[in-house]
C-alpha atoms as a PDB file:
ATOM      1  CA  VAL A   1       9.956  12.301   3.094  1.00  0.00           C
ATOM      2  CA  GLN A   2       7.408  12.353  -0.099  1.00  0.00           C
ATOM      3  CA  LEU A   3       5.883   9.552  -1.253  1.00  0.00           C
ATOM      4  CA  LEU A   4       3.462   9.062  -4.629  1.00  0.00           C
ATOM      5  CA  GLU A   5       1.761   6.104  -5.452  1.00  0.00           C
ATOM      6  CA  SER A   6       0.717   5.154  -8.968  1.00  0.00           C
ATOM      7  CA  GLY A   7      -0.611   2.697 -10.598  1.00  0.00           C
ATOM      8  CA  GLY A   8      -3.955   2.950  -9.641  1.00  0.00           C
ATOM      9  CA  GLY A   9      -6.940   2.479 -12.853  1.00  0.00           C
ATOM     10  CA  LEU A  10     -10.304   0.455 -13.344  1.00  0.00           C
ATOM     11  CA  VAL A  11     -10.115  -3.190 -14.051  1.00  0.00           C
ATOM     12  CA  GLN A  12     -12.746  -5.759 -13.958  1.00  0.00           C
ATOM     13  CA  PRO A  13     -13.412  -8.532 -11.338  1.00  0.00           C
ATOM     14  CA  GLY A  14     -10.816 -10.979 -11.077  1.00  0.00           C
ATOM     15  CA  GLY A  15      -7.953  -8.803 -12.458  1.00  0.00           C
ATOM     16  CA  SER A  16      -4.868  -7.807 -11.759  1.00  0.00           C
ATOM     17  CA  LEU A  17      -3.513  -4.697 -10.697  1.00  0.00           C
ATOM     18  CA  LYS A  18       0.360  -2.900  -9.370  1.00  0.00           C
ATOM     19  CA  LEU A  19       1.094  -0.314  -7.197  1.00  0.00           C
ATOM     20  CA  SER A  20       3.952   1.524  -6.866  1.00  0.00           C
ATOM     21  CA  CYS A  21       5.303   3.672  -4.125  1.00  0.00           C
ATOM     22  CA  ALA A  22       8.469   5.669  -5.056  1.00  0.00           C
ATOM     23  CA  ALA A  23       9.796   7.776  -2.324  1.00  0.00           C
ATOM     24  CA  SER A  24      12.067  10.910  -2.205  1.00  0.00           C
ATOM     25  CA  GLY A  25      13.462  13.470  -0.500  1.00  0.00           C
ATOM     26  CA  ARG A  26      15.816  12.546   2.714  1.00  0.00           C
ATOM     27  CA  ILE A  27      14.715   9.790   4.402  1.00  0.00           C
ATOM     28  CA  PHE A  28      15.950   9.365   7.914  1.00  0.00           C
ATOM     29  CA  ASN A  29      15.245   5.876   9.540  1.00  0.00           C
ATOM     30  CA  ILE A  30      11.817   4.591   7.821  1.00  0.00           C
ATOM     31  CA  ASP A  31      11.820   1.167   8.445  1.00  0.00           C
ATOM     32  CA  SER A  32       8.159  -0.068   7.950  1.00  0.00           C
ATOM     33  CA  MET A  33       6.136   0.792   4.902  1.00  0.00           C
ATOM     34  CA  GLY A  34       2.311   0.592   5.205  1.00  0.00           C
ATOM     35  CA  TRP A  35      -0.109   0.280   2.138  1.00  0.00           C
ATOM     36  CA  PHE A  36      -3.488   1.862   3.792  1.00  0.00           C
ATOM     37  CA  ARG A  37      -6.676   2.554   1.666  1.00  0.00           C
ATOM     38  CA  GLN A  38      -9.507   4.455   1.910  1.00  0.00           C
ATOM     39  CA  ALA A  39     -13.629   4.043   0.426  1.00  0.00           C
ATOM     40  CA  PRO A  40     -15.917   7.075   0.462  1.00  0.00           C
ATOM     41  CA  GLY A  41     -17.198   7.741   3.816  1.00  0.00           C
ATOM     42  CA  THR A  42     -15.304   5.290   5.708  1.00  0.00           C
ATOM     43  CA  ALA A  43     -11.545   5.302   7.387  1.00  0.00           C
ATOM     44  CA  HIS A  44      -8.455   4.300   6.324  1.00  0.00           C
ATOM     45  CA  GLU A  45      -7.858   0.650   6.216  1.00  0.00           C
ATOM     46  CA  PHE A  46      -4.965  -1.452   7.078  1.00  0.00           C
ATOM     47  CA  VAL A  47      -3.601  -3.323   3.876  1.00  0.00           C
ATOM     48  CA  SER A  48      -0.594  -4.461   4.010  1.00  0.00           C
ATOM     49  CA  THR A  49       2.970  -3.636   5.660  1.00  0.00           C
ATOM     50  CA  ILE A  50       6.787  -4.639   5.019  1.00  0.00           C
ATOM     51  CA  SER A  51       9.661  -4.186   6.670  1.00  0.00           C
ATOM     52  CA  ARG A  52      12.697  -1.906   6.016  1.00  0.00           C
ATOM     53  CA  SER A  53      14.502  -5.290   4.803  1.00  0.00           C
ATOM     54  CA  GLY A  54      11.590  -6.909   3.318  1.00  0.00           C
ATOM     55  CA  ARG A  55      11.839  -9.880   4.957  1.00  0.00           C
ATOM     56  CA  PHE A  56       8.783  -9.515   7.078  1.00  0.00           C
ATOM     57  CA  THR A  57       5.122  -9.252   5.555  1.00  0.00           C
ATOM     58  CA  PHE A  58       2.006  -8.595   6.729  1.00  0.00           C
ATOM     59  CA  PHE A  59      -1.496  -8.698   5.031  1.00  0.00           C
ATOM     60  CA  ALA A  60      -4.962  -8.107   6.357  1.00  0.00           C
ATOM     61  CA  GLU A  61      -7.210 -10.992   6.524  1.00  0.00           C
ATOM     62  CA  PRO A  62      -9.892  -9.581   3.010  1.00  0.00           C
ATOM     63  CA  VAL A  63      -6.256  -9.050   0.966  1.00  0.00           C
ATOM     64  CA  ARG A  64      -4.055 -12.428   2.388  1.00  0.00           C
ATOM     65  CA  GLY A  65      -3.268 -14.634  -0.532  1.00  0.00           C
ATOM     66  CA  ARG A  66      -4.840 -12.962  -3.835  1.00  0.00           C
ATOM     67  CA  PHE A  67      -2.204  -9.117  -2.657  1.00  0.00           C
ATOM     68  CA  THR A  68       1.763  -9.512  -1.740  1.00  0.00           C
ATOM     69  CA  ILE A  69       3.938  -6.867  -0.931  1.00  0.00           C
ATOM     70  CA  SER A  70       7.684  -6.168  -2.026  1.00  0.00           C
ATOM     71  CA  ARG A  71       9.957  -3.127  -1.654  1.00  0.00           C
ATOM     72  CA  ASP A  72      12.667  -1.776  -4.195  1.00  0.00           C
ATOM     73  CA  ASN A  73      15.300  -0.615  -1.086  1.00  0.00           C
ATOM     74  CA  ALA A  74      18.227   0.763  -4.253  1.00  0.00           C
ATOM     75  CA  LYS A  75      14.411   2.355  -5.353  1.00  0.00           C
ATOM     76  CA  ASN A  76      13.396   3.585  -2.575  1.00  0.00           C
ATOM     77  CA  THR A  77      10.241   2.145  -3.675  1.00  0.00           C
ATOM     78  CA  VAL A  78       7.941  -0.130  -2.295  1.00  0.00           C
ATOM     79  CA  TYR A  79       4.870  -2.200  -4.832  1.00  0.00           C
ATOM     80  CA  LEU A  80       1.262  -4.107  -3.645  1.00  0.00           C
ATOM     81  CA  GLN A  81       0.950  -6.363  -6.158  1.00  0.00           C
ATOM     82  CA  MET A  82      -3.351  -6.876  -6.385  1.00  0.00           C
ATOM     83  CA  ASN A  83      -4.348 -10.266  -7.822  1.00  0.00           C
ATOM     84  CA  ARG A  84      -7.990 -11.306  -7.545  1.00  0.00           C
ATOM     85  CA  LEU A  85      -9.860  -7.970  -7.266  1.00  0.00           C
ATOM     86  CA  LYS A  86     -13.200  -7.895  -5.854  1.00  0.00           C
ATOM     87  CA  PRO A  87     -15.494  -5.155  -6.256  1.00  0.00           C
ATOM     88  CA  GLU A  88     -15.253  -4.477  -2.179  1.00  0.00           C
ATOM     89  CA  ASP A  89     -11.440  -3.102  -3.272  1.00  0.00           C
ATOM     90  CA  THR A  90     -12.878  -0.309  -4.811  1.00  0.00           C
ATOM     91  CA  ALA A  91     -11.202   2.313  -3.424  1.00  0.00           C
ATOM     92  CA  VAL A  92      -8.297   4.964  -2.616  1.00  0.00           C
ATOM     93  CA  TYR A  93      -4.964   3.353  -2.249  1.00  0.00           C
ATOM     94  CA  TYR A  94      -2.394   5.337   0.010  1.00  0.00           C
ATOM     95  CA  CYS A  95       1.024   4.190   1.100  1.00  0.00           C
ATOM     96  CA  ALA A  96       2.486   4.906   3.428  1.00  0.00           C
ATOM     97  CA  ALA A  97       5.955   4.859   5.555  1.00  0.00           C
ATOM     98  CA  THR A  98       7.052   4.363   9.947  1.00  0.00           C
ATOM     99  CA  PRO A  99       9.909   4.961  11.188  1.00  0.00           C
ATOM    100  CA  ALA A 100       8.263   2.256  13.851  1.00  0.00           C
ATOM    101  CA  ASP A 101       8.264  -2.086  13.436  1.00  0.00           C
ATOM    102  CA  GLY A 102       5.644  -1.883  10.746  1.00  0.00           C
ATOM    103  CA  SER A 103       2.308  -1.628  12.250  1.00  0.00           C
ATOM    104  CA  VAL A 104      -1.970  -1.977  10.711  1.00  0.00           C
ATOM    105  CA  ASN A 105      -2.433   1.551  13.172  1.00  0.00           C
ATOM    106  CA  PRO A 106      -2.286   4.209  10.925  1.00  0.00           C
ATOM    107  CA  GLY A 107      -1.587   6.379  13.471  1.00  0.00           C
ATOM    108  CA  ASP A 108       2.056   4.982  14.014  1.00  0.00           C
ATOM    109  CA  TYR A 109       2.700   6.195   9.727  1.00  0.00           C
ATOM    110  CA  SER A 110       4.591   9.961  10.173  1.00  0.00           C
ATOM    111  CA  HIS A 111       4.328   9.838   5.860  1.00  0.00           C
ATOM    112  CA  TRP A 112       1.247   9.763   3.773  1.00  0.00           C
ATOM    113  CA  GLY A 113       1.498   9.558  -0.302  1.00  0.00           C
ATOM    114  CA  GLN A 114      -1.462  11.708  -1.572  1.00  0.00           C
ATOM    115  CA  GLY A 115      -3.543   7.658  -2.922  1.00  0.00           C
ATOM    116  CA  THR A 116      -3.854   5.814  -6.308  1.00  0.00           C
ATOM    117  CA  GLN A 117      -7.616   4.790  -6.806  1.00  0.00           C
ATOM    118  CA  VAL A 118      -8.368   1.361  -7.593  1.00  0.00           C
ATOM    119  CA  THR A 119     -12.583   0.836  -8.885  1.00  0.00           C
ATOM    120  CA  VAL A 120     -13.189  -3.327  -9.305  1.00  0.00           C
ATOM    121  CA  SER A 121     -16.353  -3.432 -11.570  1.00  0.00           C
ATOM    122  CA  SER A 122     -17.369  -5.133 -14.008  1.00  0.00           C
END
């Protein structure tokens, strides 16, 4: 499985961005998809996860109410809509896939994209 993120960039505080993650290659038993982020000098931080059907979603507290996650299984793509962005949202954002039920633990995710930079600054 290969995962490719896109949609990152520079945005002013209060602005919005929509990240996409396209999956390709042979996909076996992939269930949940997740988004994580990593700021310089920190570990991967869980952002959000969505189940295979899209019926179950979960968000980390810092982004709850501002971010939404969705997926289009026909396109093998998962999205992260980020609204009311704050400077503390600045990080490299990664999508990841896991055959297990949705998890907040990066160690449970077996496939990762290369990341896309999101910078929130005036």
